[in-house]
Amino acid sequence: MKDKSGFLLINKKEGITSHDVVEKLREITGIKKIGHAGTLDPSAKGLLILGIGRKATKNLSFFLKKDKEYLAKIKLGAASDTFDREGEIISLKKVKKPSRQRVEKTLKSFQGEIQQYPPLFSAKKLKGKKLYQLARKGIKPKIKPQKVKIHKIELLNYQWPYLEIRVNCSSGTYIRSLANDIGQKLKCGGYLIDLCRTKIGKFILKKAANLSKINHQNWQKYLFQLKN
């Protein structure tokens, strides 16, 4: 009998949480021990790697520190308290439209190791509490910046007020924070309106399955194992 423990590449759609994907797969497989390697916000889409069964979930750490690739769309000219479209949008006055040359120069300045503040509305923990849990209570704790690395940031399209980029970065990088920081540096504000994770290490979105295609009869054919 085929081993029912292994890994799945899922193309998560917008509007559902990473935990929703886990719950759906528990329902399909009948296996309770399922976890994922790196969450995606409900408004984000793209590659999600899941471990099915005890053996696989024990090895999810293999994926956690892998570099990631994202496609991101940023709206300039305003800011958001969550750094994305889900939050309260703060319009800015007297915003000057930055030139393409200035945008390219600004993006290039983020390449390499940078200090980044995680979003206040995020699942990052502080003294055992998730930041968004504190934020919802009106608590604004002092957050320390963390060192992350932007290997490459590429301008794909710029049509004011929209900016589209491809980002290759280290694990732990918040693209929401990057969008906010880009907006600040351009002195016009900016927040994330669309995000798609396209790569985790060598694993790519093109190889991922849509959750709607997976059912009780076929789920095992999507499993893969880690090679030694």
C-alpha atoms as a PDB file:
ATOM      1  CA  MET A   1       0.000   0.000   0.000  1.00  0.00           C
ATOM      2  CA  LYS A   2       1.301   3.453  -0.899  1.00  0.00           C
ATOM      3  CA  ASP A   3       2.608   5.556   1.972  1.00  0.00           C
ATOM      4  CA  LYS A   4      -0.033   8.174   2.767  1.00  0.00           C
ATOM      5  CA  SER A   5       2.539  10.576   4.167  1.00  0.00           C
ATOM      6  CA  GLY A   6       4.074  13.161   1.858  1.00  0.00           C
ATOM      7  CA  PHE A   7       3.974  16.730   0.616  1.00  0.00           C
ATOM      8  CA  LEU A   8       1.539  18.649  -1.570  1.00  0.00           C
ATOM      9  CA  LEU A   9       2.004  21.796  -3.637  1.00  0.00           C
ATOM     10  CA  ILE A  10      -1.229  23.783  -3.567  1.00  0.00           C
ATOM     11  CA  ASN A  11      -2.151  26.905  -5.534  1.00  0.00           C
ATOM     12  CA  LYS A  12      -4.046  28.816  -2.850  1.00  0.00           C
ATOM     13  CA  LYS A  13      -6.734  31.163  -4.076  1.00  0.00           C
ATOM     14  CA  GLU A  14      -7.638  34.566  -2.636  1.00  0.00           C
ATOM     15  CA  GLY A  15     -10.240  34.787   0.094  1.00  0.00           C
ATOM     16  CA  ILE A  16      -9.307  31.716   2.121  1.00  0.00           C
ATOM     17  CA  THR A  17      -6.781  31.274   4.911  1.00  0.00           C
ATOM     18  CA  SER A  18      -3.896  28.837   4.837  1.00  0.00           C
ATOM     19  CA  HIS A  19      -5.642  27.031   7.698  1.00  0.00           C
ATOM     20  CA  ASP A  20      -8.766  26.698   5.513  1.00  0.00           C
ATOM     21  CA  VAL A  21      -6.616  24.714   3.066  1.00  0.00           C
ATOM     22  CA  VAL A  22      -5.416  22.483   5.896  1.00  0.00           C
ATOM     23  CA  GLU A  23      -9.001  21.847   7.057  1.00  0.00           C
ATOM     24  CA  LYS A  24     -10.165  21.025   3.529  1.00  0.00           C
ATOM     25  CA  LEU A  25      -7.340  18.536   3.075  1.00  0.00           C
ATOM     26  CA  ARG A  26      -8.154  16.907   6.413  1.00  0.00           C
ATOM     27  CA  GLU A  27     -11.679  16.437   5.136  1.00  0.00           C
ATOM     28  CA  ILE A  28     -10.483  14.993   1.805  1.00  0.00           C
ATOM     29  CA  THR A  29      -7.751  12.695   3.139  1.00  0.00           C
ATOM     30  CA  GLY A  30      -9.182  11.691   6.506  1.00  0.00           C
ATOM     31  CA  ILE A  31      -5.780  12.522   8.008  1.00  0.00           C
ATOM     32  CA  LYS A  32      -5.671  14.925  10.947  1.00  0.00           C
ATOM     33  CA  LYS A  33      -1.914  15.481  11.035  1.00  0.00           C
ATOM     34  CA  ILE A  34      -1.519  18.130   8.315  1.00  0.00           C
ATOM     35  CA  GLY A  35       0.484  21.350   8.394  1.00  0.00           C
ATOM     36  CA  HIS A  36       1.866  23.978   6.037  1.00  0.00           C
ATOM     37  CA  ALA A  37       5.292  25.497   5.511  1.00  0.00           C
ATOM     38  CA  GLY A  38       4.768  29.253   5.600  1.00  0.00           C
ATOM     39  CA  THR A  39       1.381  30.928   5.710  1.00  0.00           C
ATOM     40  CA  LEU A  40      -0.191  33.176   3.091  1.00  0.00           C
ATOM     41  CA  ASP A  41      -2.568  35.973   4.081  1.00  0.00           C
ATOM     42  CA  PRO A  42      -6.224  35.429   3.060  1.00  0.00           C
ATOM     43  CA  SER A  43      -5.912  38.169   0.422  1.00  0.00           C
ATOM     44  CA  ALA A  44      -2.762  36.569  -1.040  1.00  0.00           C
ATOM     45  CA  LYS A  45      -2.614  33.703  -3.485  1.00  0.00           C
ATOM     46  CA  GLY A  46      -0.022  31.303  -4.811  1.00  0.00           C
ATOM     47  CA  LEU A  47       2.227  28.493  -3.684  1.00  0.00           C
ATOM     48  CA  LEU A  48       1.514  26.764  -0.385  1.00  0.00           C
ATOM     49  CA  ILE A  49       3.454  23.632   0.618  1.00  0.00           C
ATOM     50  CA  LEU A  50       1.643  21.196   2.899  1.00  0.00           C
ATOM     51  CA  GLY A  51       2.797  18.157   4.814  1.00  0.00           C
ATOM     52  CA  ILE A  52       0.336  15.256   4.986  1.00  0.00           C
ATOM     53  CA  GLY A  53       0.796  12.783   7.842  1.00  0.00           C
ATOM     54  CA  ARG A  54       3.071  12.718  10.869  1.00  0.00           C
ATOM     55  CA  LYS A  55       6.271  11.885   8.993  1.00  0.00           C
ATOM     56  CA  ALA A  56       5.827  14.773   6.549  1.00  0.00           C
ATOM     57  CA  THR A  57       4.783  17.376   9.112  1.00  0.00           C
ATOM     58  CA  LYS A  58       7.938  16.593  11.088  1.00  0.00           C
ATOM     59  CA  ASN A  59       9.954  17.574   8.028  1.00  0.00           C
ATOM     60  CA  LEU A  60       8.158  20.810   7.108  1.00  0.00           C
ATOM     61  CA  SER A  61      11.115  22.719   8.552  1.00  0.00           C
ATOM     62  CA  PHE A  62      12.994  21.744   5.371  1.00  0.00           C
ATOM     63  CA  PHE A  63      10.940  24.347   3.479  1.00  0.00           C
ATOM     64  CA  LEU A  64      10.648  27.083   6.109  1.00  0.00           C
ATOM     65  CA  LYS A  65      14.027  28.752   5.564  1.00  0.00           C
ATOM     66  CA  LYS A  66      13.983  28.506   1.790  1.00  0.00           C
ATOM     67  CA  ASP A  67      14.109  31.690  -0.297  1.00  0.00           C
ATOM     68  CA  LYS A  68      10.810  32.871  -1.751  1.00  0.00           C
ATOM     69  CA  GLU A  69       9.677  34.603  -4.934  1.00  0.00           C
ATOM     70  CA  TYR A  70       6.627  36.867  -5.157  1.00  0.00           C
ATOM     71  CA  LEU A  71       4.756  38.923  -7.704  1.00  0.00           C
ATOM     72  CA  ALA A  72       3.364  42.018  -6.019  1.00  0.00           C
ATOM     73  CA  LYS A  73       1.175  44.928  -7.046  1.00  0.00           C
ATOM     74  CA  ILE A  74       1.437  48.130  -5.032  1.00  0.00           C
ATOM     75  CA  LYS A  75      -0.838  51.152  -5.118  1.00  0.00           C
ATOM     76  CA  LEU A  76       1.064  54.389  -4.609  1.00  0.00           C
ATOM     77  CA  GLY A  77      -0.359  57.681  -3.384  1.00  0.00           C
ATOM     78  CA  ALA A  78      -1.819  56.423  -0.104  1.00  0.00           C
ATOM     79  CA  ALA A  79      -0.934  54.312   2.919  1.00  0.00           C
ATOM     80  CA  SER A  80      -2.646  51.597   4.956  1.00  0.00           C
ATOM     81  CA  ASP A  81      -2.415  50.731   8.661  1.00  0.00           C
ATOM     82  CA  THR A  82      -2.072  47.044   7.727  1.00  0.00           C
ATOM     83  CA  PHE A  83       0.225  47.841   4.772  1.00  0.00           C
ATOM     84  CA  ASP A  84      -2.310  46.217   2.415  1.00  0.00           C
ATOM     85  CA  ARG A  85      -5.809  46.782   1.005  1.00  0.00           C
ATOM     86  CA  GLU A  86      -7.461  45.091   3.995  1.00  0.00           C
ATOM     87  CA  GLY A  87      -6.672  47.942   6.363  1.00  0.00           C
ATOM     88  CA  GLU A  88      -7.751  51.524   6.841  1.00  0.00           C
ATOM     89  CA  ILE A  89      -6.591  53.512   3.841  1.00  0.00           C
ATOM     90  CA  ILE A  90      -4.968  56.835   4.638  1.00  0.00           C
ATOM     91  CA  SER A  91      -4.958  59.234   1.707  1.00  0.00           C
ATOM     92  CA  LEU A  92      -1.986  61.563   1.492  1.00  0.00           C
ATOM     93  CA  LYS A  93      -2.151  65.200   0.417  1.00  0.00           C
ATOM     94  CA  LYS A  94       0.140  66.926  -2.051  1.00  0.00           C
ATOM     95  CA  VAL A  95       1.493  63.684  -3.468  1.00  0.00           C
ATOM     96  CA  LYS A  96       3.976  64.092  -6.280  1.00  0.00           C
ATOM     97  CA  LYS A  97       4.016  61.368  -8.897  1.00  0.00           C
ATOM     98  CA  PRO A  98       7.529  59.849  -8.909  1.00  0.00           C
ATOM     99  CA  SER A  99       9.259  59.324 -12.242  1.00  0.00           C
ATOM    100  CA  ARG A 100      10.024  55.817 -13.514  1.00  0.00           C
ATOM    101  CA  GLN A 101      13.742  56.523 -13.060  1.00  0.00           C
ATOM    102  CA  ARG A 102      13.169  57.423  -9.410  1.00  0.00           C
ATOM    103  CA  VAL A 103      11.040  54.322  -8.877  1.00  0.00           C
ATOM    104  CA  GLU A 104      13.763  52.095 -10.363  1.00  0.00           C
ATOM    105  CA  LYS A 105      16.444  53.747  -8.216  1.00  0.00           C
ATOM    106  CA  THR A 106      14.292  53.350  -5.095  1.00  0.00           C
ATOM    107  CA  LEU A 107      13.619  49.677  -5.774  1.00  0.00           C
ATOM    108  CA  LYS A 108      17.320  49.020  -6.295  1.00  0.00           C
ATOM    109  CA  SER A 109      18.071  50.591  -2.901  1.00  0.00           C
ATOM    110  CA  PHE A 110      16.178  47.748  -1.204  1.00  0.00           C
ATOM    111  CA  GLN A 111      18.357  45.007  -2.677  1.00  0.00           C
ATOM    112  CA  GLY A 112      20.683  43.306  -0.222  1.00  0.00           C
ATOM    113  CA  GLU A 113      20.342  42.976   3.539  1.00  0.00           C
ATOM    114  CA  ILE A 114      17.826  45.377   5.038  1.00  0.00           C
ATOM    115  CA  GLN A 115      16.222  46.000   8.420  1.00  0.00           C
ATOM    116  CA  GLN A 116      12.475  45.492   8.158  1.00  0.00           C
ATOM    117  CA  TYR A 117       9.629  46.059  10.613  1.00  0.00           C
ATOM    118  CA  PRO A 118       6.927  43.384  10.406  1.00  0.00           C
ATOM    119  CA  PRO A 119       3.353  44.661   9.967  1.00  0.00           C
ATOM    120  CA  LEU A 120       1.492  45.298  13.217  1.00  0.00           C
ATOM    121  CA  PHE A 121      -1.374  43.249  11.785  1.00  0.00           C
ATOM    122  CA  SER A 122       0.567  40.004  11.246  1.00  0.00           C
ATOM    123  CA  ALA A 123       0.907  36.523  12.731  1.00  0.00           C
ATOM    124  CA  LYS A 124       4.413  37.254  14.009  1.00  0.00           C
ATOM    125  CA  LYS A 125       4.600  36.550  17.730  1.00  0.00           C
ATOM    126  CA  LEU A 126       5.755  38.849  20.509  1.00  0.00           C
ATOM    127  CA  LYS A 127       6.039  37.249  23.941  1.00  0.00           C
ATOM    128  CA  GLY A 128       3.780  34.415  22.853  1.00  0.00           C
ATOM    129  CA  LYS A 129       1.061  36.669  21.424  1.00  0.00           C
ATOM    130  CA  LYS A 130       0.414  37.198  17.718  1.00  0.00           C
ATOM    131  CA  LEU A 131       0.796  40.847  16.743  1.00  0.00           C
ATOM    132  CA  TYR A 132      -2.642  41.040  15.110  1.00  0.00           C
ATOM    133  CA  GLN A 133      -4.230  39.838  18.356  1.00  0.00           C
ATOM    134  CA  LEU A 134      -2.603  42.734  20.200  1.00  0.00           C
ATOM    135  CA  ALA A 135      -3.468  45.191  17.416  1.00  0.00           C
ATOM    136  CA  ARG A 136      -7.151  44.251  17.546  1.00  0.00           C
ATOM    137  CA  LYS A 137      -7.144  45.149  21.240  1.00  0.00           C
ATOM    138  CA  GLY A 138      -5.698  48.551  20.437  1.00  0.00           C
ATOM    139  CA  ILE A 139      -2.262  47.619  21.801  1.00  0.00           C
ATOM    140  CA  LYS A 140       0.699  48.922  19.814  1.00  0.00           C
ATOM    141  CA  PRO A 141       3.798  47.189  21.161  1.00  0.00           C
ATOM    142  CA  LYS A 142       7.321  48.264  20.333  1.00  0.00           C
ATOM    143  CA  ILE A 143       8.468  46.022  17.515  1.00  0.00           C
ATOM    144  CA  LYS A 144      12.120  45.422  16.741  1.00  0.00           C
ATOM    145  CA  PRO A 145      13.174  45.373  13.107  1.00  0.00           C
ATOM    146  CA  GLN A 146      14.483  42.116  11.720  1.00  0.00           C
ATOM    147  CA  LYS A 147      17.222  41.521   9.196  1.00  0.00           C
ATOM    148  CA  VAL A 148      16.032  40.110   5.873  1.00  0.00           C
ATOM    149  CA  LYS A 149      17.636  39.870   2.469  1.00  0.00           C
ATOM    150  CA  ILE A 150      16.194  41.013  -0.848  1.00  0.00           C
ATOM    151  CA  HIS A 151      18.181  39.063  -3.435  1.00  0.00           C
ATOM    152  CA  LYS A 152      16.541  40.777  -6.380  1.00  0.00           C
ATOM    153  CA  ILE A 153      13.704  43.231  -6.929  1.00  0.00           C
ATOM    154  CA  GLU A 154      12.549  43.761 -10.499  1.00  0.00           C
ATOM    155  CA  LEU A 155      10.212  46.397 -11.898  1.00  0.00           C
ATOM    156  CA  LEU A 156       7.644  44.721 -14.145  1.00  0.00           C
ATOM    157  CA  ASN A 157       5.248  47.596 -14.782  1.00  0.00           C
ATOM    158  CA  TYR A 158       4.670  51.152 -13.604  1.00  0.00           C
ATOM    159  CA  GLN A 159       1.516  53.022 -14.504  1.00  0.00           C
ATOM    160  CA  TRP A 160       0.779  55.580 -11.811  1.00  0.00           C
ATOM    161  CA  PRO A 161      -0.518  54.874  -9.234  1.00  0.00           C
ATOM    162  CA  TYR A 162       0.156  51.149  -9.765  1.00  0.00           C
ATOM    163  CA  LEU A 163       3.532  49.500  -9.418  1.00  0.00           C
ATOM    164  CA  GLU A 164       4.155  45.827 -10.213  1.00  0.00           C
ATOM    165  CA  ILE A 165       7.321  44.076  -9.041  1.00  0.00           C
ATOM    166  CA  ARG A 166       8.930  40.643  -8.783  1.00  0.00           C
ATOM    167  CA  VAL A 167      10.799  39.991  -5.534  1.00  0.00           C
ATOM    168  CA  ASN A 168      13.274  37.223  -4.699  1.00  0.00           C
ATOM    169  CA  CYS A 169      13.909  37.290  -0.966  1.00  0.00           C
ATOM    170  CA  SER A 170      14.901  35.408   2.142  1.00  0.00           C
ATOM    171  CA  SER A 171      12.425  33.628   4.349  1.00  0.00           C
ATOM    172  CA  GLY A 172      10.798  35.972   6.851  1.00  0.00           C
ATOM    173  CA  THR A 173      10.463  38.888   4.442  1.00  0.00           C
ATOM    174  CA  TYR A 174       7.122  40.700   4.579  1.00  0.00           C
ATOM    175  CA  ILE A 175       6.128  41.983   1.152  1.00  0.00           C
ATOM    176  CA  ARG A 176       3.474  44.158   2.841  1.00  0.00           C
ATOM    177  CA  SER A 177       6.219  45.888   4.798  1.00  0.00           C
ATOM    178  CA  LEU A 178       8.313  46.229   1.660  1.00  0.00           C
ATOM    179  CA  ALA A 179       5.368  47.897  -0.127  1.00  0.00           C
ATOM    180  CA  ASN A 180       4.948  50.335   2.751  1.00  0.00           C
ATOM    181  CA  ASP A 181       8.687  51.080   2.877  1.00  0.00           C
ATOM    182  CA  ILE A 182       8.835  51.693  -0.875  1.00  0.00           C
ATOM    183  CA  GLY A 183       5.944  54.135  -0.563  1.00  0.00           C
ATOM    184  CA  GLN A 184       7.648  55.951   2.290  1.00  0.00           C
ATOM    185  CA  LYS A 185      10.940  56.229   0.457  1.00  0.00           C
ATOM    186  CA  LEU A 186       9.157  57.594  -2.612  1.00  0.00           C
ATOM    187  CA  LYS A 187       7.417  60.085  -0.258  1.00  0.00           C
ATOM    188  CA  CYS A 188       4.041  59.280  -1.739  1.00  0.00           C
ATOM    189  CA  GLY A 189       2.875  56.331   0.349  1.00  0.00           C
ATOM    190  CA  GLY A 190       2.144  52.848  -0.897  1.00  0.00           C
ATOM    191  CA  TYR A 191       0.324  49.690   0.101  1.00  0.00           C
ATOM    192  CA  LEU A 192       0.007  46.150  -1.215  1.00  0.00           C
ATOM    193  CA  ILE A 193      -3.105  45.377  -3.263  1.00  0.00           C
ATOM    194  CA  ASP A 194      -2.172  42.014  -4.799  1.00  0.00           C
ATOM    195  CA  LEU A 195       0.321  39.292  -3.899  1.00  0.00           C
ATOM    196  CA  CYS A 196       1.170  35.943  -5.445  1.00  0.00           C
ATOM    197  CA  ARG A 197       3.883  33.595  -4.156  1.00  0.00           C
ATOM    198  CA  THR A 198       5.445  31.918  -7.168  1.00  0.00           C
ATOM    199  CA  LYS A 199       8.368  29.997  -5.690  1.00  0.00           C
ATOM    200  CA  ILE A 200       9.648  28.416  -2.459  1.00  0.00           C
ATOM    201  CA  GLY A 201      13.215  27.217  -2.910  1.00  0.00           C
ATOM    202  CA  LYS A 202      13.174  25.119  -6.090  1.00  0.00           C
ATOM    203  CA  PHE A 203       9.424  24.453  -5.862  1.00  0.00           C
ATOM    204  CA  ILE A 204       7.349  26.506  -8.312  1.00  0.00           C
ATOM    205  CA  LEU A 205       3.719  27.558  -8.555  1.00  0.00           C
ATOM    206  CA  LYS A 206       3.337  26.017 -12.035  1.00  0.00           C
ATOM    207  CA  LYS A 207       3.668  22.570 -10.445  1.00  0.00           C
ATOM    208  CA  ALA A 208       0.997  23.250  -7.812  1.00  0.00           C
ATOM    209  CA  ALA A 209      -2.533  21.839  -7.919  1.00  0.00           C
ATOM    210  CA  ASN A 210      -5.750  23.767  -7.431  1.00  0.00           C
ATOM    211  CA  LEU A 211      -7.543  22.624  -4.295  1.00  0.00           C
ATOM    212  CA  SER A 212     -10.750  22.215  -6.306  1.00  0.00           C
ATOM    213  CA  LYS A 213      -9.081  19.475  -8.394  1.00  0.00           C
ATOM    214  CA  ILE A 214      -8.196  17.327  -5.385  1.00  0.00           C
ATOM    215  CA  ASN A 215     -10.652  14.784  -4.033  1.00  0.00           C
ATOM    216  CA  HIS A 216     -10.886  11.627  -1.941  1.00  0.00           C
ATOM    217  CA  GLN A 217     -10.042   9.400  -4.896  1.00  0.00           C
ATOM    218  CA  ASN A 218      -7.058  11.228  -6.409  1.00  0.00           C
ATOM    219  CA  TRP A 219      -5.252  13.115  -3.622  1.00  0.00           C
ATOM    220  CA  GLN A 220      -2.482  10.543  -3.190  1.00  0.00           C
ATOM    221  CA  LYS A 221      -1.281  10.999  -6.767  1.00  0.00           C
ATOM    222  CA  TYR A 222      -0.341  14.600  -5.942  1.00  0.00           C
ATOM    223  CA  LEU A 223       1.930  13.563  -3.053  1.00  0.00           C
ATOM    224  CA  PHE A 224       5.708  13.800  -3.380  1.00  0.00           C
ATOM    225  CA  GLN A 225       8.564  12.805  -1.105  1.00  0.00           C
ATOM    226  CA  LEU A 226      11.774  14.614  -0.259  1.00  0.00           C
ATOM    227  CA  LYS A 227      14.833  13.113  -1.911  1.00  0.00           C
ATOM    228  CA  ASN A 228      17.813  12.378   0.283  1.00  0.00           C
END
